[in-house]
Amino acid sequence: MKKLIALLAVVVLLGSFASAQDGMAKKGSWGAMTEVSGTGKNLGVSYWLADDMSLGVNLGFKSSSPPSPAKSTSMFNIGAGIWKHMDAMGNLSPFIGGAIGIGSDNSSGTDVSSFNIAGQMGAEYFMSKNFSVAGWLQLGFGSAGPSGSTTSTISTSTGTQFTWYWN
């Protein structure tokens, strides 16, 4: 039974990479994405508003409950981004875009709220019509801290996103 499940998983995985000639996502395409960026690891959805514009929304949550006397901690963030894709070079699609996000974190023992906004540039490579990998650089402004005592920063960061499309 384990061998059958493993074989099915391999067939599904290879099917998603089967032909890079299938092209890129188009208007109306939906996808599930995982993202690793300056805000942590997030899960989300991607939707193509036009053949050259995609919108992504993501959520992140992390919680830990160590043994006493240590305190439990949690972090939550939600963000959205929009990418304007340029003329593709084969299956590589360069883009520019922006992102915005808010979050809450109590891991330092104090409730900290955050707000971030950033400009992005990068590229998305379509291994098939069902799977892509994107990477980007961003320059952003952030404000974070406990209520009444926030600190503002300007920073650069990178991000990576994997998207599985289903239409």
Foldseek 3Di string as FASTA:
>chain_A
DVVVVVVVVVVVVCVQLVDLVQAADAAAWKKWKWKQKPVGIWTWMKHANGRFKIKIKIKDKDWDDDDPPDHIWMKIKIKMKMWGWDDDDRQKTKTKIKMKMKMWICPVVAIKIKIKIWIKIWIWGRSHHFKIKIKIKIWMWMWMDHPPDIDIDIDMMMMMMMIGIDD
